[in-house]
C-alpha cells in the first residue's frame, strides 16, 4: 500500500461519516417485540446469554416476511398441489429454501448498510425512469395481492358461517388498528402473535394422516404424479412465484431500516431470515400434505377449485380439521395483507421523500399511514362489491408477479454489486454465480407463466426443447451482464491494497454515505443492452396481460 493510500484509509476510519438515512426515526434504539438494544450499548460481551438476548431483539423482519408469503395465494397454491398431485411436488419446496435465503440475505445487507429502502435505492441509482417503472409496477401488483388476501379472508369466513360483510370490514379495521399504534414494537408483537397462530399447521398436518415415508421419498427423488404435463409444469411455476414474491424484497429491506438494524447485527438478521425460510417451507409442506389428505379422504384427486372448497372437503371428513384449515387461511391472509400493504407504504414514503416509520404516530406521518389505510379500505370494498371479477384478479396477480420477479431480482443483483452503495459488503463472486443462475431460471419461468396466461391452449411440453435452450441463453446473458458490470465496477478504480484495507477495517461500521455524494452509476454496454431488453420484455408482457384481462373481462 502506498503512503497516499494509507493516508486515505486513516482519514476514512477516523472521520465521522454521514449516512444516507432519510427519516430520523430510523436511527436509535432497536425496539423489537422480544427485546431492546440501546444505541449506546456498543460493547456487548460475547456470552451465550447476551447473544440470545440480542437474537431475540433482532428477530422479526425475516420471520415476518417469510411467513407472510404463506398468504391466501400461497395457501391455495400449496393445497392445490397436494390435492391434485399428492406428495410428488414436495421436492420443489426443498429447492426453494436456498433461493429464499439468497434473495432475502441480499436485501438484509442493503437495508442494514444503506439505511434506505429498496424503492429509494432503485430510484436514485438507476434514474427516475427505472425507479417509476419498477415502483409503479410494485404498487399495482401489491394492491392486487391485497385484494386476493381479502378474498382469502372471505373464503375462510364462508366456511365458518360468518357473512363476508361482517368479517371483511372487521379484518380491515384490525389491519389499520395494528398499523397506526405509533409503535414499531407493538406492531411487531401483533405480527408475531399471528405467526404463533400459524402453528395450527402442526396439528392440522398430523390430523391429515401423513405418510412420512412417502413424503421423505418425494423430497429426495424429484417426480410428478401422473407424469410431466403442461398443467403440472404451470403449477410448479406458480409454487415458485408464490413463494419468491417481489414484494418481499421491498418489505424486508425497509423493515430492517425501520427496525434500526445496522451492520453490527447483520449476522443475527441473517439467522432470522434463514429461520423464516425454513418456517415458511415447513408450513408449505404441511399445507401440501393436508391437500393430499383432502383428496384421499373424499376421492377428489385432481379436482381442486379453491381454498374455500378444500376447507369444506376437510370439514366433511373431520370438522375440527376443516376449522383448523379455515383459521390458518384467515390468519395467513391477515399476515400477508399487513406485510404487502406495509411494503407499499414504505415504498410510497421512499419515493416521495416522506416520513415513513412505524416509530412515528399518525400525526407525524399522515401520508404514510393514509396510504396504508386507503389501500386496505379500497381492497375490502372491491371484495365486497357484487360482480367484482375476483377470479380474474387472482389469475392476474399470479401472472403479474411472475412477470415482475426477474426484474426485481436483476435490480437487487445490480445494487448488491454496486460498491458505492455497499462498500465492503458487496456480493462475493460465488454469490453472484448462484444469484445469476436464480435470475436466469426465474426469467425463463416468468416467460412461461406469462405466455401460458395469455395463450392458455399452448402446450408447454411441445416446446420443451425450446424452453431448455431458453434457459441456457438466460443464464449465459445473466453471467455476461454480471461480467461486464464487474469490469466497470468502481472497485477497479482504486488499488487492490486500498480496497482490501477498506474491506477489512470498515466492514463492521461502514454505512452508505448520503445518496447525493455517491458517484453516478456507469453501466457497461452489455449491462445497458441487457436492461433495455428487460424493459422491452416487461412492456410487451404488460401489454399482453392487459389485452388478456380485457378479453376475459368482456367474456
Protein backbone atom coordinates (compact mmCIF):
# COMPACT_ATOMS: atom_id res chain seq x y z
CA UNK A 1 0.00 0.00 0.00
CA UNK A 2 1.31 3.46 -0.90
CA UNK A 3 1.65 6.33 1.62
CA UNK A 4 -1.24 8.11 -0.12
CA UNK A 5 -3.44 5.04 0.14
CA UNK A 6 -2.59 4.68 3.84
CA UNK A 7 -3.49 8.31 4.48
CA UNK A 8 -6.84 7.84 2.72
CA UNK A 9 -7.62 4.76 4.82
CA UNK A 10 -6.69 6.54 8.07
CA UNK A 11 -8.81 9.55 7.18
CA UNK A 12 -11.73 7.31 6.24
CA UNK A 13 -11.57 5.44 9.53
CA UNK A 14 -11.17 8.49 11.77
CA UNK A 15 -13.61 10.96 10.21
CA UNK A 16 -17.28 10.78 11.24
CA UNK A 17 -19.20 9.54 8.25
CA UNK A 18 -22.65 10.94 7.44
CA UNK A 19 -25.16 8.32 6.35
CA UNK A 20 -27.97 8.20 3.81
CA UNK A 21 -30.77 7.60 6.34
CA UNK A 22 -33.76 9.67 5.18
CA UNK A 23 -36.07 9.54 8.22
CA UNK A 24 -34.58 10.41 11.61
CA UNK A 25 -36.94 7.86 13.20
CA UNK A 26 -34.85 5.16 11.52
CA UNK A 27 -31.96 5.94 13.88
CA UNK A 28 -32.00 4.99 17.56
CA UNK A 29 -32.51 2.04 19.88
CA UNK A 30 -33.61 -1.28 18.42
CA UNK A 31 -37.04 -1.91 19.92
CA UNK A 32 -38.04 -5.41 18.90
CA UNK A 33 -41.04 -7.43 20.01
CA UNK A 34 -38.89 -9.67 22.19
CA UNK A 35 -36.16 -7.31 23.38
CA UNK A 36 -34.41 -3.97 23.16
CA UNK A 37 -30.85 -2.92 22.27
CA UNK A 38 -29.69 0.57 23.23
CA UNK A 39 -27.83 2.56 20.61
CA UNK A 40 -25.24 3.43 23.29
CA UNK A 41 -24.65 -0.24 24.08
CA UNK A 42 -21.81 -0.68 21.61
CA UNK A 43 -19.60 -3.05 23.57
CA UNK A 44 -21.71 -6.07 24.46
CA UNK A 45 -19.87 -9.13 25.85
CA UNK A 46 -19.98 -12.23 23.67
CA UNK A 47 -21.60 -14.55 26.20
CA UNK A 48 -24.33 -17.01 25.26
CA UNK A 49 -26.88 -15.10 27.34
CA UNK A 50 -26.10 -11.81 25.60
CA UNK A 51 -26.13 -13.43 22.16
CA UNK A 52 -29.53 -14.99 22.88
CA UNK A 53 -30.93 -11.67 24.12
CA UNK A 54 -29.58 -9.93 21.01
CA UNK A 55 -31.11 -12.56 18.73
CA UNK A 56 -34.50 -12.19 20.43
CA UNK A 57 -34.35 -8.41 19.99
CA UNK A 58 -33.40 -8.66 16.30
CA UNK A 59 -35.78 -11.42 15.26
CA UNK A 60 -38.78 -10.20 13.31
CA UNK A 61 -38.25 -8.86 9.77
CA UNK A 62 -37.01 -12.14 8.30
CA UNK A 63 -39.61 -14.28 10.05
CA UNK A 64 -42.50 -11.95 9.18
CA UNK A 65 -41.58 -11.58 5.51
CA UNK A 66 -41.28 -15.33 5.07
CA UNK A 67 -44.42 -16.36 6.95
CA UNK A 68 -46.27 -13.53 5.23
CA UNK A 69 -45.60 -15.32 1.97
CA UNK A 70 -47.78 -18.24 3.09
CA UNK A 71 -50.74 -15.96 2.41
CA UNK A 72 -54.05 -16.62 0.67
CA UNK A 73 -52.42 -17.16 -2.72
CA UNK A 74 -49.66 -19.32 -1.29
CA UNK A 75 -52.05 -21.48 0.73
CA UNK A 76 -54.28 -22.00 -2.30
CA UNK A 77 -51.31 -22.97 -4.47
CA UNK A 78 -49.85 -25.45 -1.96
CA UNK A 79 -53.12 -27.24 -1.24
CA UNK A 80 -53.85 -27.38 -4.97
CA UNK A 81 -50.53 -29.15 -5.49
CA UNK A 82 -51.39 -31.59 -2.71
CA UNK A 83 -54.94 -32.26 -3.83
CA UNK A 84 -54.05 -32.74 -7.50
CA UNK A 85 -50.57 -34.30 -7.28
CA UNK A 86 -50.21 -35.68 -3.76
CA UNK A 87 -46.73 -35.51 -2.24
CA UNK A 88 -44.96 -35.56 -5.60
CA UNK A 89 -44.13 -31.82 -5.63
CA UNK A 90 -42.55 -31.64 -2.18
CA UNK A 91 -39.09 -31.57 -3.76
CA UNK A 92 -39.88 -28.16 -5.29
CA UNK A 93 -40.28 -26.67 -1.81
CA UNK A 94 -36.92 -28.05 -0.72
CA UNK A 95 -35.19 -26.39 -3.69
CA UNK A 96 -36.78 -23.04 -2.82
CA UNK A 97 -35.05 -22.76 0.58
CA UNK A 98 -31.68 -21.60 -0.84
CA UNK A 99 -33.47 -19.31 -3.32
CA UNK A 100 -35.34 -17.60 -0.48
CA UNK A 101 -32.23 -17.27 1.67
CA UNK A 102 -30.02 -15.90 -1.14
CA UNK A 103 -32.57 -13.30 -2.29
CA UNK A 104 -33.54 -12.08 1.16
CA UNK A 105 -29.97 -12.07 2.52
CA UNK A 106 -29.06 -9.53 -0.14
CA UNK A 107 -31.82 -7.14 0.94
CA UNK A 108 -30.78 -7.61 4.56
CA UNK A 109 -27.34 -6.24 3.70
CA UNK A 110 -28.81 -3.43 1.62
CA UNK A 111 -31.10 -2.36 4.44
CA UNK A 112 -28.57 -2.56 7.27
CA UNK A 113 -25.70 -0.94 5.35
CA UNK A 114 -27.56 1.78 3.45
CA UNK A 115 -30.34 2.74 5.86
CA UNK A 116 -32.51 3.35 2.78
CA UNK A 117 -35.46 1.43 1.34
CA UNK A 118 -35.29 -0.62 -1.84
CA UNK A 119 -37.52 1.73 -3.84
CA UNK A 120 -35.37 4.76 -2.99
CA UNK A 121 -32.15 3.00 -3.99
CA UNK A 122 -33.55 1.98 -7.38
CA UNK A 123 -34.85 5.49 -7.97
CA UNK A 124 -31.56 7.19 -7.07
CA UNK A 125 -29.06 4.76 -8.58
CA UNK A 126 -30.80 3.90 -11.86
CA UNK A 127 -32.74 7.09 -12.53
CA UNK A 128 -36.34 8.15 -12.09
CA UNK A 129 -37.39 6.38 -15.29
CA UNK A 130 -36.36 2.98 -14.00
CA UNK A 131 -37.46 3.91 -10.50
CA UNK A 132 -41.02 4.74 -11.51
CA UNK A 133 -41.13 1.81 -13.90
CA UNK A 134 -40.23 -0.55 -11.05
CA UNK A 135 -42.17 1.04 -8.22
CA UNK A 136 -45.27 1.72 -10.34
CA UNK A 137 -45.49 -1.98 -11.16
CA UNK A 138 -44.93 -2.79 -7.50
CA UNK A 139 -47.82 -0.56 -6.38
CA UNK A 140 -50.20 -2.24 -8.83
CA UNK A 141 -49.07 -5.79 -8.00
CA UNK A 142 -49.17 -5.20 -4.25
CA UNK A 143 -52.65 -3.71 -4.38
CA UNK A 144 -53.99 -6.64 -6.40
CA UNK A 145 -52.26 -9.02 -3.99
CA UNK A 146 -54.01 -7.23 -1.12
CA UNK A 147 -57.34 -7.87 -2.86
CA UNK A 148 -56.53 -11.60 -3.00
CA UNK A 149 -55.81 -11.54 0.75
CA UNK A 150 -59.34 -10.25 1.38
CA UNK A 151 -60.64 -12.95 -0.96
CA UNK A 152 -58.90 -15.47 1.31
CA UNK A 153 -60.48 -13.87 4.37
CA UNK A 154 -63.93 -14.10 2.78
CA UNK A 155 -63.44 -17.79 1.88
CA UNK A 156 -62.42 -18.60 5.46
CA UNK A 157 -65.43 -16.65 6.78
CA UNK A 158 -67.74 -18.57 4.46
CA UNK A 159 -66.60 -21.89 5.94
CA UNK A 160 -67.13 -20.56 9.47
CA UNK A 161 -70.63 -19.45 8.56
CA UNK A 162 -69.88 -15.76 9.12
CA UNK A 163 -71.06 -13.30 6.45
CA UNK A 164 -68.24 -11.70 4.49
CA UNK A 165 -69.91 -8.33 5.06
CA UNK A 166 -69.02 -8.75 8.72
CA UNK A 167 -65.58 -10.39 8.55
CA UNK A 168 -64.02 -8.33 5.74
CA UNK A 169 -64.74 -4.90 7.31
CA UNK A 170 -63.64 -6.18 10.73
CA UNK A 171 -60.38 -7.51 9.25
CA UNK A 172 -59.79 -4.18 7.50
CA UNK A 173 -60.28 -2.27 10.75
CA UNK A 174 -57.96 -4.69 12.58
CA UNK A 175 -55.23 -4.23 9.96
CA UNK A 176 -55.47 -0.45 10.28
CA UNK A 177 -55.56 -0.54 14.09
CA UNK A 178 -52.42 -2.69 14.25
CA UNK A 179 -50.60 -0.31 11.91
CA UNK A 180 -51.41 3.08 13.43
CA UNK A 181 -50.29 2.43 17.01
CA UNK A 182 -47.20 4.64 16.56
CA UNK A 183 -45.02 1.88 17.99
CA UNK A 184 -42.81 -0.46 15.97
CA UNK A 185 -42.64 -2.82 18.95
CA UNK A 186 -46.45 -3.12 19.26
CA UNK A 187 -46.80 -3.73 15.52
CA UNK A 188 -44.13 -6.44 15.55
CA UNK A 189 -45.65 -8.10 18.61
CA UNK A 190 -49.02 -8.26 16.86
CA UNK A 191 -47.36 -9.87 13.83
CA UNK A 192 -45.64 -12.47 16.00
CA UNK A 193 -48.98 -13.32 17.62
CA UNK A 194 -50.42 -14.05 14.18
CA UNK A 195 -47.33 -16.09 13.37
CA UNK A 196 -47.87 -18.19 16.50
CA UNK A 197 -51.39 -18.95 15.26
CA UNK A 198 -49.88 -20.48 12.13
CA UNK A 199 -48.55 -23.24 14.39
CA UNK A 200 -52.01 -24.77 13.97
CA UNK A 201 -50.48 -26.20 10.81
CA UNK A 202 -48.73 -28.78 13.01
CA UNK A 203 -51.87 -30.46 14.44
CA UNK A 204 -53.52 -29.87 11.06
CA UNK A 205 -50.99 -31.99 9.23
CA UNK A 206 -50.94 -34.60 11.99
CA UNK A 207 -54.72 -34.95 11.61
CA UNK A 208 -54.20 -35.46 7.87
CA UNK A 209 -52.77 -38.95 8.38
CA UNK A 210 -49.37 -38.17 6.81
CA UNK A 211 -47.31 -40.89 5.16
CA UNK A 212 -43.85 -39.81 6.32
CA UNK A 213 -42.03 -42.45 4.31
CA UNK A 214 -43.65 -41.35 1.07
CA UNK A 215 -43.00 -37.72 1.97
CA UNK A 216 -39.30 -38.37 2.59
CA UNK A 217 -39.01 -40.13 -0.75
CA UNK A 218 -40.71 -37.22 -2.54
CA UNK A 219 -38.23 -34.77 -1.03
CA UNK A 220 -35.15 -36.53 -2.39
CA UNK A 221 -36.47 -38.06 -5.62
CA UNK A 222 -37.97 -35.45 -7.97
CA UNK A 223 -41.03 -36.59 -9.85
CA UNK A 224 -44.61 -35.65 -10.67
CA UNK A 225 -47.59 -37.89 -10.08
CA UNK A 226 -49.21 -38.66 -13.42
CA UNK A 227 -46.15 -37.59 -15.38
CA UNK A 228 -44.85 -34.26 -16.61
CA UNK A 229 -47.74 -32.34 -18.14
CA UNK A 230 -48.36 -28.71 -19.02
CA UNK A 231 -50.67 -28.31 -16.01
CA UNK A 232 -48.08 -29.76 -13.68
CA UNK A 233 -45.34 -27.51 -15.02
CA UNK A 234 -47.56 -24.46 -14.63
CA UNK A 235 -48.32 -25.40 -11.03
CA UNK A 236 -44.60 -25.75 -10.27
CA UNK A 237 -44.06 -22.28 -11.73
CA UNK A 238 -46.92 -21.00 -9.58
CA UNK A 239 -45.30 -22.52 -6.47
CA UNK A 240 -42.05 -20.73 -7.28
CA UNK A 241 -43.87 -17.46 -7.99
CA UNK A 242 -45.97 -17.51 -4.84
CA UNK A 243 -43.01 -18.46 -2.62
CA UNK A 244 -40.49 -15.97 -4.04
CA UNK A 245 -42.54 -12.78 -4.44
CA UNK A 246 -41.31 -9.30 -5.49
CA UNK A 247 -42.92 -7.53 -2.51
CA UNK A 248 -40.70 -9.49 -0.13
CA UNK A 249 -37.60 -7.62 -1.32
CA UNK A 250 -39.15 -4.21 -0.70
CA UNK A 251 -40.70 -5.18 2.62
CA UNK A 252 -37.72 -6.72 4.36
CA UNK A 253 -35.22 -4.04 3.34
CA UNK A 254 -37.49 -1.25 4.59
CA UNK A 255 -38.45 -3.18 7.71
CA UNK A 256 -34.77 -3.73 8.55
CA UNK A 257 -34.22 0.01 8.14
CA UNK A 258 -37.28 0.86 10.24
CA UNK A 259 -36.15 -1.52 12.99
CA UNK A 260 -32.82 0.36 13.03
CA UNK A 261 -30.70 -2.71 12.36
CA UNK A 262 -27.10 -1.73 11.49
CA UNK A 263 -24.19 -3.74 10.04
CA UNK A 264 -23.27 -4.85 13.58
CA UNK A 265 -26.33 -7.07 13.61
CA UNK A 266 -26.34 -8.42 10.05
CA UNK A 267 -25.34 -11.87 11.30
CA UNK A 268 -28.37 -12.02 13.59
CA UNK A 269 -30.72 -10.80 10.85
CA UNK A 270 -29.30 -13.43 8.51
CA UNK A 271 -30.20 -16.03 11.14
CA UNK A 272 -33.69 -14.52 11.42
CA UNK A 273 -34.09 -14.77 7.64
CA UNK A 274 -32.82 -18.34 7.50
CA UNK A 275 -35.20 -19.34 10.29
CA UNK A 276 -38.05 -17.72 8.38
CA UNK A 277 -37.14 -19.61 5.19
CA UNK A 278 -37.37 -22.96 6.96
CA UNK A 279 -40.58 -21.98 8.76
CA UNK A 280 -42.33 -20.96 5.53
CA UNK A 281 -41.27 -24.14 3.73
CA UNK A 282 -42.35 -26.33 6.65
CA UNK A 283 -45.72 -24.57 6.55
CA UNK A 284 -45.95 -25.13 2.81
CA UNK A 285 -45.18 -28.82 3.30
CA UNK A 286 -47.95 -29.08 5.90
CA UNK A 287 -50.42 -27.43 3.54
CA UNK A 288 -49.46 -29.66 0.62
CA UNK A 289 -49.85 -32.78 2.76
CA UNK A 290 -53.21 -31.52 4.02
CA UNK A 291 -54.36 -31.02 0.43
CA UNK A 292 -53.34 -34.59 -0.32
CA UNK A 293 -55.46 -35.87 2.58
CA UNK A 294 -58.47 -33.90 1.31
CA UNK A 295 -58.12 -35.74 -1.99
CA UNK A 296 -57.60 -39.16 -0.40
CA UNK A 297 -60.44 -38.86 2.11
CA UNK A 298 -63.05 -37.50 -0.32
CA UNK A 299 -62.00 -39.00 -3.65
CA UNK A 300 -61.42 -35.56 -5.14
CA UNK A 301 -57.98 -36.10 -6.61
CA UNK A 302 -57.37 -33.67 -9.48
CA UNK A 303 -60.49 -31.58 -8.81
CA UNK A 304 -59.17 -28.54 -6.94
CA UNK A 305 -61.47 -25.50 -7.06
CA UNK A 306 -60.26 -23.06 -4.41
CA UNK A 307 -59.14 -22.96 -0.78
CA UNK A 308 -62.70 -22.45 0.46
CA UNK A 309 -63.95 -25.62 -1.23
CA UNK A 310 -60.99 -27.54 0.17
CA UNK A 311 -61.91 -26.38 3.69
CA UNK A 312 -65.39 -27.84 3.18
CA UNK A 313 -63.89 -31.11 1.89
CA UNK A 314 -61.75 -31.39 5.01
CA UNK A 315 -64.74 -30.50 7.16
CA UNK A 316 -66.82 -33.31 5.65
CA UNK A 317 -64.29 -35.81 6.97
CA UNK A 318 -63.31 -34.01 10.20
CA UNK A 319 -64.98 -30.74 11.29
CA UNK A 320 -62.06 -29.86 13.54
CA UNK A 321 -59.58 -30.28 10.69
CA UNK A 322 -61.73 -28.11 8.44
CA UNK A 323 -61.89 -25.42 11.13
CA UNK A 324 -58.13 -25.51 11.64
CA UNK A 325 -57.56 -25.06 7.93
CA UNK A 326 -60.03 -22.15 7.78
CA UNK A 327 -58.27 -20.46 10.71
CA UNK A 328 -54.87 -20.95 9.03
CA UNK A 329 -56.29 -19.46 5.81
CA UNK A 330 -57.74 -16.47 7.67
CA UNK A 331 -54.56 -15.93 9.68
CA UNK A 332 -52.26 -16.25 6.66
CA UNK A 333 -54.38 -13.79 4.70
CA UNK A 334 -54.12 -11.22 7.52
CA UNK A 335 -50.34 -11.58 7.82
CA UNK A 336 -49.95 -11.32 4.07
CA UNK A 337 -52.23 -8.29 3.87
CA UNK A 338 -50.32 -6.49 6.65
CA UNK A 339 -46.91 -7.18 5.10
CA UNK A 340 -47.85 -6.43 1.48
CA UNK A 341 -49.59 -3.18 2.36
CA UNK A 342 -46.78 -2.02 4.63
CA UNK A 343 -44.25 -2.79 1.89
CA UNK A 344 -46.22 -0.50 -0.42
CA UNK A 345 -46.46 2.31 2.16
CA UNK A 346 -42.71 2.05 2.82
CA UNK A 347 -42.06 2.37 -0.92
CA UNK A 348 -44.50 5.31 -1.11
CA UNK A 349 -42.53 7.13 1.60
CA UNK A 350 -39.23 6.29 -0.10
CA UNK A 351 -40.24 7.58 -3.50
CA UNK A 352 -41.79 10.84 -2.29
CA UNK A 353 -39.27 11.52 0.48
CA UNK A 354 -41.91 11.38 3.23
CA UNK A 355 -41.62 10.30 6.85
CA UNK A 356 -42.35 6.58 6.81
CA UNK A 357 -41.70 4.82 10.08
CA UNK A 358 -43.79 2.74 12.47
CA UNK A 359 -41.97 4.58 15.26
CA UNK A 360 -43.95 7.70 14.35
CA UNK A 361 -47.53 8.38 15.34
CA UNK A 362 -50.31 9.20 12.89
CA UNK A 363 -49.94 12.97 13.27
CA UNK A 364 -46.21 12.76 12.49
CA UNK A 365 -46.53 10.67 9.32
CA UNK A 366 -50.03 11.18 7.96
CA UNK A 367 -49.28 10.40 4.26
CA UNK A 368 -47.56 7.16 5.28
CA UNK A 369 -50.50 5.93 7.34
CA UNK A 370 -53.13 7.30 4.96
CA UNK A 371 -51.60 5.44 2.00
CA UNK A 372 -51.87 2.21 4.02
CA UNK A 373 -55.43 2.94 5.14
CA UNK A 374 -56.68 3.87 1.67
CA UNK A 375 -55.29 0.68 0.12
CA UNK A 376 -56.88 -1.52 2.79
CA UNK A 377 -60.28 0.18 2.51
CA UNK A 378 -60.41 0.09 -1.31
CA UNK A 379 -59.32 -3.57 -1.43
CA UNK A 380 -62.01 -4.51 1.11
CA UNK A 381 -64.66 -2.62 -0.86
CA UNK A 382 -63.69 -4.40 -4.10
CA UNK A 383 -64.07 -7.82 -2.49
CA UNK A 384 -67.48 -6.87 -1.09
CA UNK A 385 -68.70 -5.45 -4.42
CA UNK A 386 -71.20 -7.81 -6.12
CA UNK A 387 -69.98 -8.94 -9.52
CA UNK A 388 -66.35 -7.92 -8.96
CA UNK A 389 -64.02 -10.04 -11.15
CA UNK A 390 -62.30 -11.73 -8.21
CA UNK A 391 -61.26 -14.78 -10.24
CA UNK A 392 -59.67 -12.56 -12.89
CA UNK A 393 -57.81 -10.61 -10.21
CA UNK A 394 -56.45 -13.81 -8.65
CA UNK A 395 -55.19 -15.06 -12.02
CA UNK A 396 -53.77 -11.65 -12.90
CA UNK A 397 -51.81 -11.41 -9.64
CA UNK A 398 -50.08 -14.70 -10.28
CA UNK A 399 -49.17 -13.75 -13.86
CA UNK A 400 -48.06 -10.21 -12.97
CA UNK A 401 -45.91 -11.47 -10.08
CA UNK A 402 -44.25 -13.92 -12.44
CA UNK A 403 -43.64 -11.12 -14.94
CA UNK A 404 -42.05 -8.73 -12.41
CA UNK A 405 -39.99 -11.15 -10.31
CA UNK A 406 -36.97 -11.39 -12.65
CA UNK A 407 -36.88 -7.60 -12.99
CA UNK A 408 -36.89 -7.13 -9.21
CA UNK A 409 -34.14 -9.72 -8.81
CA UNK A 410 -31.97 -8.09 -11.51
CA UNK A 411 -32.18 -4.71 -9.76
CA UNK A 412 -31.31 -6.41 -6.48
CA UNK A 413 -28.28 -8.06 -8.03
CA UNK A 414 -27.03 -4.81 -9.58
CA UNK A 415 -27.40 -2.95 -6.27
CA UNK A 416 -25.54 -5.68 -4.39
CA UNK A 417 -22.60 -5.32 -6.80
CA UNK A 418 -22.55 -1.51 -6.51
CA UNK A 419 -19.51 -0.68 -4.37
CA UNK A 420 -20.72 2.90 -3.97
CA UNK A 421 -23.78 1.51 -2.21
CA UNK A 422 -22.44 -1.44 -0.24
CA UNK A 423 -18.70 -0.72 0.00
CA UNK A 424 -17.08 -3.75 1.63
CA UNK A 425 -20.44 -5.52 1.79
CA UNK A 426 -20.80 -6.12 -1.97
CA UNK A 427 -21.60 -9.62 -3.20
CA UNK A 428 -18.84 -12.18 -3.27
CA UNK A 429 -18.16 -13.92 -6.58
CA UNK A 430 -19.75 -17.23 -5.57
CA UNK A 431 -22.93 -15.42 -4.52
CA UNK A 432 -23.12 -13.71 -7.90
CA UNK A 433 -22.85 -17.10 -9.60
CA UNK A 434 -25.70 -18.51 -7.51
CA UNK A 435 -27.82 -15.37 -7.93
CA UNK A 436 -27.11 -15.33 -11.68
CA UNK A 437 -28.46 -18.86 -12.05
CA UNK A 438 -31.52 -17.91 -9.99
CA UNK A 439 -32.18 -14.86 -12.20
CA UNK A 440 -31.87 -16.96 -15.35
CA UNK A 441 -34.28 -19.61 -14.09
CA UNK A 442 -36.76 -17.02 -12.80
CA UNK A 443 -36.68 -15.21 -16.14
CA UNK A 444 -37.47 -18.40 -18.00
CA UNK A 445 -40.25 -19.41 -15.60
CA UNK A 446 -41.65 -15.90 -15.77
CA UNK A 447 -41.84 -16.09 -19.55
CA UNK A 448 -43.56 -19.47 -19.43
CA UNK A 449 -46.13 -18.35 -16.85
CA UNK A 450 -46.92 -15.13 -18.68
CA UNK A 451 -47.15 -16.85 -22.07
CA UNK A 452 -49.48 -19.59 -20.84
CA UNK A 453 -51.66 -16.99 -19.10
CA UNK A 454 -52.10 -15.13 -22.38
CA UNK A 455 -52.26 -18.31 -24.51
CA UNK A 456 -53.87 -20.94 -22.23
CA UNK A 457 -54.12 -23.53 -25.00
CA UNK A 458 -50.36 -23.59 -25.51
CA UNK A 459 -48.83 -26.99 -24.75
CA UNK A 460 -45.66 -26.40 -22.75
CA UNK A 461 -44.33 -29.91 -23.28
CA UNK A 462 -44.43 -29.48 -27.04
CA UNK A 463 -41.89 -26.68 -26.78
CA UNK A 464 -39.76 -28.28 -24.04
CA UNK A 465 -36.61 -28.22 -26.17
CA UNK A 466 -37.05 -24.52 -26.88
CA UNK A 467 -37.50 -23.87 -23.17
CA UNK A 468 -34.28 -25.70 -22.37
CA UNK A 469 -32.39 -23.61 -24.92
CA UNK A 470 -34.04 -20.52 -23.49
CA UNK A 471 -32.79 -21.40 -20.01
CA UNK A 472 -29.21 -21.75 -21.25
CA UNK A 473 -29.46 -18.39 -23.03
CA UNK A 474 -30.94 -16.69 -19.96
CA UNK A 475 -28.15 -17.94 -17.71
CA UNK A 476 -25.47 -17.01 -20.26
CA UNK A 477 -26.87 -13.49 -20.70
CA UNK A 478 -27.08 -13.04 -16.92
CA UNK A 479 -23.46 -14.05 -16.45
CA UNK A 480 -22.45 -11.79 -19.33
CA UNK A 481 -24.16 -8.81 -17.75
CA UNK A 482 -22.50 -9.54 -14.41
CA UNK A 483 -19.10 -9.85 -16.05
CA UNK A 484 -19.41 -6.60 -17.96
CA UNK A 485 -20.81 -4.87 -14.91
CA UNK A 486 -17.87 -6.15 -12.86
CA UNK A 487 -15.41 -4.66 -15.36
CA UNK A 488 -16.95 -1.24 -14.82
CA UNK A 489 -17.10 -1.60 -11.01
CA UNK A 490 -15.66 1.36 -9.05
CA UNK A 491 -13.57 -1.20 -7.18
CA UNK A 492 -11.15 -1.26 -10.12
CA UNK A 493 -10.63 2.48 -9.89
CA UNK A 494 -8.66 2.08 -6.62
CA UNK A 495 -5.64 0.00 -5.79
CA UNK A 496 -6.15 -3.57 -4.62
CA UNK A 497 -4.32 -2.77 -1.36
CA UNK A 498 -6.61 0.15 -0.62
CA UNK A 499 -9.71 -1.87 -1.48
CA UNK A 500 -8.55 -4.73 0.78
CA UNK A 501 -7.80 -2.35 3.64
CA UNK A 502 -11.23 -0.75 3.47
CA UNK A 503 -12.91 -4.14 3.30
CA UNK A 504 -11.19 -5.41 6.46
CA UNK A 505 -11.16 -2.20 8.51
CA UNK A 506 -14.59 -0.69 7.80
CA UNK A 507 -16.83 -3.72 7.44
CA UNK A 508 -18.34 -3.66 10.95
CA UNK A 509 -19.24 0.04 10.92
CA UNK A 510 -19.35 1.08 7.25
CA UNK A 511 -22.60 2.80 6.21
CA UNK A 512 -23.50 4.18 2.82
CA UNK A 513 -22.87 7.94 2.57
CA UNK A 514 -25.73 10.29 1.58
CA UNK A 515 -27.05 9.38 -1.86
CA UNK A 516 -26.16 12.81 -3.26
CA UNK A 517 -22.46 12.14 -2.55
CA UNK A 518 -22.28 8.86 -4.47
CA UNK A 519 -20.62 8.60 -7.85
CA UNK A 520 -23.19 8.06 -10.63
CA UNK A 521 -23.75 4.54 -11.88
CA UNK A 522 -21.82 3.83 -15.09
CA UNK A 523 -23.35 0.89 -16.90
CA UNK A 524 -21.29 -1.04 -19.38
CA UNK A 525 -22.57 -1.60 -22.91
CA UNK A 526 -23.55 -5.17 -22.01
CA UNK A 527 -25.46 -4.10 -18.93
CA UNK A 528 -27.28 -1.34 -20.79
CA UNK A 529 -28.32 -3.68 -23.60
CA UNK A 530 -29.46 -6.29 -21.08
CA UNK A 531 -31.55 -3.75 -19.16
CA UNK A 532 -33.12 -2.40 -22.35
CA UNK A 533 -34.03 -5.95 -23.33
CA UNK A 534 -35.53 -6.46 -19.89
CA UNK A 535 -37.56 -3.26 -20.22
CA UNK A 536 -38.84 -4.38 -23.62
CA UNK A 537 -39.82 -7.75 -22.18
CA UNK A 538 -41.72 -6.08 -19.33
CA UNK A 539 -43.55 -3.68 -21.66
CA UNK A 540 -44.57 -6.42 -24.08
CA UNK A 541 -45.60 -8.68 -21.20
CA UNK A 542 -47.66 -5.96 -19.56
CA UNK A 543 -49.45 -5.19 -22.84
CA UNK A 544 -50.24 -8.85 -23.45
CA UNK A 545 -51.56 -9.29 -19.92
CA UNK A 546 -53.69 -6.15 -20.24
CA UNK A 547 -55.18 -7.39 -23.53
CA UNK A 548 -55.88 -10.78 -21.97
CA UNK A 549 -57.54 -9.10 -18.98
CA UNK A 550 -59.82 -7.07 -21.25
CA UNK A 551 -60.76 -10.20 -23.19
CA UNK A 552 -61.60 -12.14 -20.05
CA UNK A 553 -63.43 -9.18 -18.53
CA UNK A 554 -65.62 -8.79 -21.62
CA UNK A 555 -66.40 -12.51 -21.71
